[in-house]
Amino acid sequence: MITASELMTPRPVAIRSTDSVSEAVRILQELEIRHLPVVNEQQEPVGMLSDRDLRSLSVPVLLDEEWLGTARSALDAPVASLMTASPLSVELEADAAEVVDLMLDNKVGAIPVVDAEGRLAGIVSYVDVLRRLSLE
């Protein structure tokens, strides 16, 4: 049996819900990742931010002053305004099949992995699953 701890990317970069959307965008682009866990002070997952969540910030073909002001406000807003709150999570020893089923059933591309205290230990994305399959 393959477990979440064997599939996951350990110690993923995370962000706080009070950090700005622009900071989250910077991290996603810089690290070339698609999913960013959002944690509280105790490092417990409280949300997930994905590249899909950022689609509402896409640039229109014709820029006008009103849109630019709206875009700046959106980028300055806290991550909490765009994140998916109360994310699904799995424990380190969760079976890989359970992780994949959760991802498919809930149409998500990544799931946080938590330790026994509920703190973020890793993240399993569809890329991690595919990478493991290619090694088999």
N, C-alpha and C. Protein backbone atom coordinates (compact mmCIF):
# COMPACT_ATOMS: atom_id res chain seq x y z
N MET A 1 0.84 -1.18 0.00
CA MET A 1 0.00 0.00 0.00
C MET A 1 0.89 1.25 0.00
N ILE A 2 0.64 2.14 -0.93
CA ILE A 2 1.34 3.42 -0.99
C ILE A 2 0.55 4.41 -0.13
N THR A 3 1.26 5.18 0.66
CA THR A 3 0.61 6.14 1.56
C THR A 3 0.81 7.57 1.06
N ALA A 4 0.03 8.46 1.64
CA ALA A 4 0.15 9.88 1.30
C ALA A 4 1.56 10.39 1.57
N SER A 5 2.18 9.91 2.65
CA SER A 5 3.53 10.37 2.98
C SER A 5 4.55 9.97 1.92
N GLU A 6 4.28 8.89 1.20
CA GLU A 6 5.18 8.45 0.13
C GLU A 6 4.95 9.24 -1.16
N LEU A 7 3.75 9.74 -1.34
CA LEU A 7 3.40 10.49 -2.56
C LEU A 7 3.70 11.98 -2.44
N MET A 8 3.57 12.50 -1.25
CA MET A 8 3.55 13.95 -1.04
C MET A 8 4.87 14.65 -1.33
N THR A 9 4.72 15.94 -1.59
CA THR A 9 5.86 16.85 -1.57
C THR A 9 5.94 17.33 -0.13
N PRO A 10 7.04 17.01 0.57
CA PRO A 10 7.13 17.40 1.98
C PRO A 10 7.42 18.89 2.15
N ARG A 11 7.03 19.41 3.31
CA ARG A 11 7.29 20.79 3.69
C ARG A 11 7.02 21.79 2.56
N PRO A 12 5.80 21.81 2.05
CA PRO A 12 5.50 22.74 0.95
C PRO A 12 5.49 24.19 1.43
N VAL A 13 5.76 25.07 0.52
CA VAL A 13 5.63 26.50 0.82
C VAL A 13 4.16 26.76 1.08
N ALA A 14 3.88 27.54 2.10
CA ALA A 14 2.50 27.88 2.45
C ALA A 14 2.42 29.39 2.67
N ILE A 15 1.22 29.88 2.75
CA ILE A 15 0.97 31.30 2.93
C ILE A 15 -0.11 31.46 3.99
N ARG A 16 -0.22 32.63 4.57
CA ARG A 16 -1.27 32.91 5.57
C ARG A 16 -2.46 33.57 4.89
N SER A 17 -3.61 33.45 5.47
CA SER A 17 -4.83 34.01 4.88
C SER A 17 -4.80 35.53 4.84
N THR A 18 -3.98 36.15 5.69
CA THR A 18 -3.89 37.61 5.72
C THR A 18 -2.85 38.16 4.74
N ASP A 19 -2.03 37.29 4.15
CA ASP A 19 -1.07 37.74 3.15
C ASP A 19 -1.83 38.20 1.90
N SER A 20 -1.20 39.04 1.11
CA SER A 20 -1.88 39.59 -0.07
C SER A 20 -1.93 38.58 -1.22
N VAL A 21 -2.93 38.76 -2.05
CA VAL A 21 -3.07 37.95 -3.25
C VAL A 21 -1.83 38.13 -4.13
N SER A 22 -1.30 39.35 -4.19
CA SER A 22 -0.10 39.58 -5.03
C SER A 22 1.08 38.76 -4.53
N GLU A 23 1.21 38.58 -3.22
CA GLU A 23 2.28 37.74 -2.67
C GLU A 23 2.07 36.29 -3.07
N ALA A 24 0.83 35.83 -3.03
CA ALA A 24 0.52 34.47 -3.44
C ALA A 24 0.83 34.26 -4.92
N VAL A 25 0.46 35.23 -5.75
CA VAL A 25 0.75 35.14 -7.19
C VAL A 25 2.26 35.07 -7.40
N ARG A 26 3.00 35.89 -6.68
CA ARG A 26 4.46 35.89 -6.81
C ARG A 26 5.03 34.51 -6.48
N ILE A 27 4.57 33.91 -5.40
CA ILE A 27 5.06 32.58 -4.99
C ILE A 27 4.71 31.53 -6.04
N LEU A 28 3.46 31.52 -6.48
CA LEU A 28 3.03 30.55 -7.48
C LEU A 28 3.88 30.65 -8.75
N GLN A 29 4.13 31.87 -9.21
CA GLN A 29 4.91 32.06 -10.43
C GLN A 29 6.38 31.72 -10.21
N GLU A 30 6.94 32.20 -9.12
CA GLU A 30 8.36 31.98 -8.85
C GLU A 30 8.69 30.50 -8.70
N LEU A 31 7.84 29.76 -8.00
CA LEU A 31 8.09 28.35 -7.76
C LEU A 31 7.50 27.44 -8.84
N GLU A 32 6.77 28.05 -9.77
CA GLU A 32 6.11 27.31 -10.85
C GLU A 32 5.25 26.17 -10.30
N ILE A 33 4.38 26.54 -9.36
CA ILE A 33 3.45 25.60 -8.76
C ILE A 33 2.03 26.08 -9.02
N ARG A 34 1.06 25.20 -8.81
CA ARG A 34 -0.34 25.53 -9.09
C ARG A 34 -1.21 25.58 -7.85
N HIS A 35 -0.70 25.09 -6.73
CA HIS A 35 -1.49 25.00 -5.50
C HIS A 35 -0.68 25.51 -4.33
N LEU A 36 -1.31 26.34 -3.52
CA LEU A 36 -0.62 26.95 -2.39
C LEU A 36 -1.48 26.76 -1.13
N PRO A 37 -1.00 25.94 -0.20
CA PRO A 37 -1.75 25.78 1.05
C PRO A 37 -1.76 27.09 1.84
N VAL A 38 -2.87 27.34 2.51
CA VAL A 38 -3.01 28.51 3.38
C VAL A 38 -3.10 27.96 4.80
N VAL A 39 -2.22 28.46 5.69
CA VAL A 39 -2.15 27.94 7.05
C VAL A 39 -2.36 29.04 8.07
N ASN A 40 -2.73 28.63 9.29
CA ASN A 40 -2.84 29.58 10.40
C ASN A 40 -1.52 29.60 11.17
N GLU A 41 -1.49 30.26 12.31
CA GLU A 41 -0.27 30.39 13.10
C GLU A 41 0.26 29.05 13.60
N GLN A 42 -0.63 28.08 13.77
CA GLN A 42 -0.22 26.75 14.23
C GLN A 42 0.18 25.83 13.07
N GLN A 43 0.24 26.38 11.87
CA GLN A 43 0.60 25.63 10.66
C GLN A 43 -0.46 24.60 10.28
N GLU A 44 -1.71 24.86 10.67
CA GLU A 44 -2.82 23.99 10.29
C GLU A 44 -3.44 24.55 9.01
N PRO A 45 -3.75 23.69 8.04
CA PRO A 45 -4.38 24.17 6.80
C PRO A 45 -5.75 24.77 7.07
N VAL A 46 -5.95 25.99 6.57
CA VAL A 46 -7.25 26.65 6.69
C VAL A 46 -7.82 26.99 5.31
N GLY A 47 -7.04 26.74 4.28
CA GLY A 47 -7.50 27.03 2.93
C GLY A 47 -6.51 26.54 1.89
N MET A 48 -6.93 26.63 0.64
CA MET A 48 -6.06 26.32 -0.50
C MET A 48 -6.29 27.41 -1.54
N LEU A 49 -5.22 27.82 -2.16
CA LEU A 49 -5.30 28.78 -3.26
C LEU A 49 -4.68 28.11 -4.47
N SER A 50 -5.40 28.11 -5.57
CA SER A 50 -4.88 27.48 -6.78
C SER A 50 -4.86 28.50 -7.91
N ASP A 51 -4.18 28.12 -8.98
CA ASP A 51 -4.15 29.00 -10.14
C ASP A 51 -5.57 29.21 -10.68
N ARG A 52 -6.45 28.24 -10.48
CA ARG A 52 -7.85 28.40 -10.90
C ARG A 52 -8.54 29.53 -10.14
N ASP A 53 -8.20 29.67 -8.86
CA ASP A 53 -8.80 30.73 -8.05
C ASP A 53 -8.42 32.12 -8.57
N LEU A 54 -7.30 32.20 -9.26
CA LEU A 54 -6.80 33.48 -9.74
C LEU A 54 -7.34 33.87 -11.12
N ARG A 55 -8.13 33.03 -11.73
CA ARG A 55 -8.65 33.33 -13.08
C ARG A 55 -9.47 34.61 -13.12
N SER A 56 -10.12 34.95 -12.03
CA SER A 56 -10.93 36.17 -12.01
C SER A 56 -10.07 37.42 -12.14
N LEU A 57 -8.77 37.27 -11.96
CA LEU A 57 -7.87 38.41 -12.07
C LEU A 57 -7.26 38.55 -13.47
N SER A 58 -7.72 37.73 -14.42
CA SER A 58 -7.12 37.76 -15.76
C SER A 58 -7.32 39.13 -16.41
N VAL A 59 -6.37 39.49 -17.24
CA VAL A 59 -6.35 40.81 -17.85
C VAL A 59 -7.26 40.85 -19.07
N PRO A 60 -8.18 41.82 -19.14
CA PRO A 60 -9.03 41.93 -20.33
C PRO A 60 -8.21 42.44 -21.52
N VAL A 61 -8.75 42.21 -22.70
CA VAL A 61 -8.05 42.63 -23.91
C VAL A 61 -7.83 44.14 -23.92
N LEU A 62 -8.83 44.88 -23.58
CA LEU A 62 -8.72 46.34 -23.55
C LEU A 62 -8.66 46.81 -22.10
N LEU A 63 -7.56 47.41 -21.74
CA LEU A 63 -7.40 47.89 -20.38
C LEU A 63 -8.01 49.28 -20.24
N ASP A 64 -8.71 49.51 -19.16
CA ASP A 64 -9.19 50.86 -18.88
C ASP A 64 -8.87 51.18 -17.42
N GLU A 65 -8.98 52.44 -17.08
CA GLU A 65 -8.61 52.88 -15.73
C GLU A 65 -9.42 52.19 -14.64
N GLU A 66 -10.70 51.98 -14.91
CA GLU A 66 -11.55 51.34 -13.91
C GLU A 66 -11.07 49.93 -13.63
N TRP A 67 -10.76 49.16 -14.69
CA TRP A 67 -10.29 47.78 -14.50
C TRP A 67 -8.96 47.76 -13.77
N LEU A 68 -8.05 48.68 -14.10
CA LEU A 68 -6.75 48.71 -13.44
C LEU A 68 -6.89 48.95 -11.94
N GLY A 69 -7.81 49.82 -11.57
CA GLY A 69 -8.06 50.06 -10.15
C GLY A 69 -8.63 48.83 -9.47
N THR A 70 -9.53 48.14 -10.15
CA THR A 70 -10.13 46.92 -9.62
C THR A 70 -9.07 45.84 -9.46
N ALA A 71 -8.20 45.70 -10.46
CA ALA A 71 -7.13 44.70 -10.41
C ALA A 71 -6.18 44.98 -9.26
N ARG A 72 -5.81 46.24 -9.05
CA ARG A 72 -4.90 46.60 -7.95
C ARG A 72 -5.55 46.26 -6.62
N SER A 73 -6.83 46.56 -6.48
CA SER A 73 -7.54 46.25 -5.23
C SER A 73 -7.57 44.74 -5.00
N ALA A 74 -7.81 43.97 -6.06
CA ALA A 74 -7.86 42.51 -5.94
C ALA A 74 -6.50 41.95 -5.55
N LEU A 75 -5.43 42.50 -6.10
CA LEU A 75 -4.09 42.02 -5.77
C LEU A 75 -3.68 42.40 -4.35
N ASP A 76 -4.19 43.51 -3.86
CA ASP A 76 -3.89 43.95 -2.50
C ASP A 76 -4.76 43.24 -1.45
N ALA A 77 -5.82 42.60 -1.89
CA ALA A 77 -6.75 41.93 -0.97
C ALA A 77 -6.06 40.75 -0.28
N PRO A 78 -6.57 40.35 0.87
CA PRO A 78 -5.99 39.19 1.54
C PRO A 78 -6.32 37.89 0.79
N VAL A 79 -5.45 36.92 0.93
CA VAL A 79 -5.64 35.61 0.30
C VAL A 79 -7.00 35.02 0.67
N ALA A 80 -7.46 35.31 1.89
CA ALA A 80 -8.75 34.78 2.35
C ALA A 80 -9.88 35.13 1.40
N SER A 81 -9.76 36.23 0.64
CA SER A 81 -10.83 36.64 -0.27
C SER A 81 -10.94 35.74 -1.50
N LEU A 82 -9.91 34.98 -1.82
CA LEU A 82 -9.94 34.11 -3.00
C LEU A 82 -9.80 32.62 -2.70
N MET A 83 -9.23 32.29 -1.55
CA MET A 83 -8.93 30.89 -1.26
C MET A 83 -10.19 30.06 -1.07
N THR A 84 -10.03 28.77 -1.23
CA THR A 84 -11.07 27.82 -0.86
C THR A 84 -10.85 27.50 0.60
N ALA A 85 -11.81 27.87 1.43
CA ALA A 85 -11.67 27.67 2.88
C ALA A 85 -11.98 26.23 3.25
N SER A 86 -11.56 25.84 4.44
CA SER A 86 -11.79 24.49 4.98
C SER A 86 -11.44 23.41 3.96
N PRO A 87 -10.16 23.36 3.57
CA PRO A 87 -9.79 22.39 2.54
C PRO A 87 -9.86 20.95 3.04
N LEU A 88 -10.04 20.05 2.11
CA LEU A 88 -9.92 18.64 2.42
C LEU A 88 -8.48 18.41 2.84
N SER A 89 -8.25 17.42 3.67
CA SER A 89 -6.88 17.03 3.99
C SER A 89 -6.88 15.55 4.32
N VAL A 90 -5.69 14.98 4.27
CA VAL A 90 -5.51 13.57 4.63
C VAL A 90 -4.34 13.48 5.60
N GLU A 91 -4.32 12.39 6.35
CA GLU A 91 -3.21 12.15 7.27
C GLU A 91 -2.08 11.45 6.54
N LEU A 92 -0.91 11.47 7.14
CA LEU A 92 0.30 10.90 6.52
C LEU A 92 0.12 9.46 6.07
N GLU A 93 -0.62 8.67 6.84
CA GLU A 93 -0.76 7.25 6.54
C GLU A 93 -1.97 6.92 5.66
N ALA A 94 -2.64 7.94 5.14
CA ALA A 94 -3.79 7.68 4.27
C ALA A 94 -3.35 6.91 3.04
N ASP A 95 -4.18 6.01 2.60
CA ASP A 95 -3.90 5.20 1.41
C ASP A 95 -3.95 6.08 0.17
N ALA A 96 -3.04 5.85 -0.76
CA ALA A 96 -2.98 6.63 -1.99
C ALA A 96 -4.30 6.58 -2.75
N ALA A 97 -4.98 5.44 -2.73
CA ALA A 97 -6.26 5.32 -3.43
C ALA A 97 -7.29 6.29 -2.83
N GLU A 98 -7.26 6.46 -1.50
CA GLU A 98 -8.16 7.41 -0.83
C GLU A 98 -7.86 8.83 -1.29
N VAL A 99 -6.58 9.16 -1.39
CA VAL A 99 -6.17 10.50 -1.82
C VAL A 99 -6.67 10.77 -3.24
N VAL A 100 -6.44 9.82 -4.14
CA VAL A 100 -6.87 9.98 -5.53
C VAL A 100 -8.39 10.09 -5.61
N ASP A 101 -9.10 9.25 -4.86
CA ASP A 101 -10.57 9.32 -4.86
C ASP A 101 -11.07 10.68 -4.39
N LEU A 102 -10.46 11.21 -3.33
CA LEU A 102 -10.84 12.54 -2.84
C LEU A 102 -10.61 13.61 -3.91
N MET A 103 -9.48 13.52 -4.59
CA MET A 103 -9.16 14.50 -5.63
C MET A 103 -10.19 14.42 -6.76
N LEU A 104 -10.51 13.21 -7.20
CA LEU A 104 -11.46 13.04 -8.30
C LEU A 104 -12.88 13.42 -7.88
N ASP A 105 -13.32 12.95 -6.73
CA ASP A 105 -14.68 13.22 -6.26
C ASP A 105 -14.94 14.71 -6.03
N ASN A 106 -13.91 15.43 -5.61
CA ASN A 106 -14.06 16.85 -5.28
C ASN A 106 -13.49 17.78 -6.33
N LYS A 107 -12.99 17.20 -7.41
CA LYS A 107 -12.45 17.99 -8.54
C LYS A 107 -11.40 18.99 -8.08
N VAL A 108 -10.44 18.48 -7.29
CA VAL A 108 -9.33 19.31 -6.84
C VAL A 108 -8.02 18.71 -7.34
N GLY A 109 -7.04 19.56 -7.52
CA GLY A 109 -5.76 19.12 -8.05
C GLY A 109 -4.72 18.82 -6.99
N ALA A 110 -5.02 19.13 -5.74
CA ALA A 110 -4.06 18.89 -4.67
C ALA A 110 -4.77 18.82 -3.32
N ILE A 111 -4.18 18.05 -2.42
CA ILE A 111 -4.74 17.89 -1.08
C ILE A 111 -3.61 18.02 -0.06
N PRO A 112 -3.81 18.86 0.96
CA PRO A 112 -2.80 18.96 2.02
C PRO A 112 -2.73 17.65 2.82
N VAL A 113 -1.53 17.34 3.29
CA VAL A 113 -1.30 16.18 4.15
C VAL A 113 -0.92 16.74 5.52
N VAL A 114 -1.58 16.24 6.56
CA VAL A 114 -1.35 16.75 7.91
C VAL A 114 -0.76 15.67 8.80
N ASP A 115 0.00 16.12 9.81
CA ASP A 115 0.55 15.19 10.80
C ASP A 115 -0.49 14.91 11.87
N ALA A 116 -0.11 14.16 12.89
CA ALA A 116 -1.04 13.76 13.95
C ALA A 116 -1.62 14.96 14.71
N GLU A 117 -0.89 16.08 14.71
CA GLU A 117 -1.37 17.29 15.39
C GLU A 117 -2.19 18.19 14.46
N GLY A 118 -2.38 17.78 13.22
CA GLY A 118 -3.15 18.57 12.28
C GLY A 118 -2.36 19.66 11.56
N ARG A 119 -1.03 19.63 11.70
CA ARG A 119 -0.18 20.63 11.04
C ARG A 119 0.20 20.16 9.64
N LEU A 120 0.39 21.12 8.76
CA LEU A 120 0.75 20.82 7.38
C LEU A 120 2.10 20.10 7.33
N ALA A 121 2.10 18.91 6.76
CA ALA A 121 3.34 18.13 6.62
C ALA A 121 3.75 18.03 5.16
N GLY A 122 2.77 18.13 4.26
CA GLY A 122 3.06 17.99 2.84
C GLY A 122 1.83 18.29 2.01
N ILE A 123 1.97 18.07 0.72
CA ILE A 123 0.86 18.24 -0.19
C ILE A 123 0.98 17.18 -1.29
N VAL A 124 -0.15 16.58 -1.63
CA VAL A 124 -0.19 15.63 -2.75
C VAL A 124 -0.96 16.30 -3.87
N SER A 125 -0.29 16.47 -5.01
CA SER A 125 -0.95 17.03 -6.19
C SER A 125 -1.08 15.94 -7.24
N TYR A 126 -1.86 16.23 -8.25
CA TYR A 126 -2.00 15.25 -9.32
C TYR A 126 -0.64 14.99 -9.98
N VAL A 127 0.25 15.95 -9.97
CA VAL A 127 1.59 15.77 -10.53
C VAL A 127 2.36 14.73 -9.72
N ASP A 128 2.22 14.77 -8.38
CA ASP A 128 2.88 13.77 -7.53
C ASP A 128 2.37 12.36 -7.86
N VAL A 129 1.08 12.24 -8.07
CA VAL A 129 0.48 10.94 -8.40
C VAL A 129 1.02 10.45 -9.75
N LEU A 130 1.02 11.33 -10.74
CA LEU A 130 1.51 10.93 -12.07
C LEU A 130 3.00 10.58 -12.02
N ARG A 131 3.75 11.34 -11.27
CA ARG A 131 5.20 11.07 -11.14
C ARG A 131 5.41 9.68 -10.55
N ARG A 132 4.63 9.34 -9.53
CA ARG A 132 4.77 8.01 -8.90
C ARG A 132 4.38 6.91 -9.88
N LEU A 133 3.32 7.13 -10.65
CA LEU A 133 2.90 6.14 -11.63
C LEU A 133 3.97 5.91 -12.69
N SER A 134 4.65 6.97 -13.09
CA SER A 134 5.68 6.83 -14.13
C SER A 134 6.88 6.04 -13.62
N LEU A 135 7.08 5.99 -12.30
CA LEU A 135 8.18 5.24 -11.72
C LEU A 135 7.85 3.76 -11.56
N GLU A 136 6.56 3.46 -11.53
CA GLU A 136 6.12 2.06 -11.33
C GLU A 136 6.37 1.22 -12.56
